[in-house]
Amino acid sequence: MTKQLTVFGLAVKKKLLDLNVSQKEFCQRYGIPMNRLSEIIYGDRIAIKYKKEVAKVLRINISA
C-alpha cells in the first residue's frame, strides 16, 4: 500500500523541488530528523514543533 502525501506534505515537496534541495539536504541544513520530516509529509505524526519550523523555513502555510 502506497502512502498518500498530505496537502502540507505536497507543498513541502513542491517547495523543495523549486529550491532544488533534497529532503536529506534540507534536514541536514536545518537540524530536522529525516524520519520526522517524512512523518510530517505523510501525516503519520503531527510533530507540530518541526512542522512549524519547516513551514517557516520554506515560507509555506502550515494549514496547507
Protein backbone atom coordinates (compact mmCIF):
# COMPACT_ATOMS: atom_id res chain seq x y z
CA MET A 1 0.00 0.00 0.00
CA THR A 2 1.37 3.39 -1.02
CA LYS A 3 1.31 6.25 1.45
CA GLN A 4 -0.54 9.41 0.47
CA LEU A 5 1.01 12.84 0.85
CA THR A 6 -0.87 15.33 2.98
CA VAL A 7 -1.68 18.73 1.49
CA PHE A 8 1.12 20.18 3.63
CA GLY A 9 3.44 17.37 2.53
CA LEU A 10 2.75 18.11 -1.12
CA ALA A 11 3.51 21.81 -0.53
CA VAL A 12 6.81 20.83 1.14
CA LYS A 13 7.78 18.52 -1.71
CA LYS A 14 6.96 21.16 -4.33
CA LYS A 15 8.94 23.84 -2.50
CA LEU A 16 11.97 21.57 -2.12
CA LEU A 17 11.82 20.79 -5.85
CA ASP A 18 11.59 24.52 -6.65
CA LEU A 19 14.66 25.12 -4.48
CA ASN A 20 16.46 22.09 -5.97
CA VAL A 21 17.09 20.75 -2.46
CA SER A 22 16.66 17.12 -1.43
CA GLN A 23 14.85 16.14 1.74
CA LYS A 24 18.15 14.89 3.14
CA GLU A 25 19.94 18.17 2.41
CA PHE A 26 17.06 20.16 3.89
CA CYS A 27 17.05 18.10 7.08
CA GLN A 28 20.83 18.33 7.49
CA ARG A 29 20.81 22.08 6.90
CA TYR A 30 18.07 22.80 9.44
CA GLY A 31 18.65 20.06 12.02
CA ILE A 32 15.38 18.26 11.38
CA PRO A 33 15.43 14.47 11.74
CA MET A 34 14.74 12.84 8.36
CA ASN A 35 12.21 10.44 9.83
CA ARG A 36 10.32 13.34 11.41
CA LEU A 37 10.09 15.19 8.09
CA SER A 38 8.80 12.04 6.41
CA GLU A 39 6.20 11.58 9.16
CA ILE A 40 5.05 15.17 8.68
CA ILE A 41 4.88 14.86 4.89
CA TYR A 42 2.77 11.70 5.06
CA GLY A 43 0.72 12.67 8.11
CA ASP A 44 1.98 9.79 10.24
CA ARG A 45 2.73 12.15 13.10
CA ILE A 46 1.72 15.69 13.97
CA ALA A 47 5.18 16.84 15.19
CA ILE A 48 3.98 20.44 15.43
CA LYS A 49 7.39 21.78 16.54
CA TYR A 50 9.07 20.57 13.35
CA LYS A 51 6.05 21.30 11.17
CA LYS A 52 6.19 24.94 12.26
CA GLU A 53 9.92 25.04 11.58
CA VAL A 54 9.50 23.54 8.10
CA ALA A 55 6.68 25.95 7.28
CA LYS A 56 8.73 28.93 8.47
CA VAL A 57 11.88 27.99 6.57
CA LEU A 58 10.04 27.14 3.35
CA ARG A 59 7.59 30.02 3.72
CA ILE A 60 4.53 27.87 3.28
CA ASN A 61 1.21 27.97 5.10
CA ILE A 62 1.11 25.45 7.95
CA SER A 63 -2.52 24.70 7.15
CA ALA A 64 -1.58 23.74 3.58
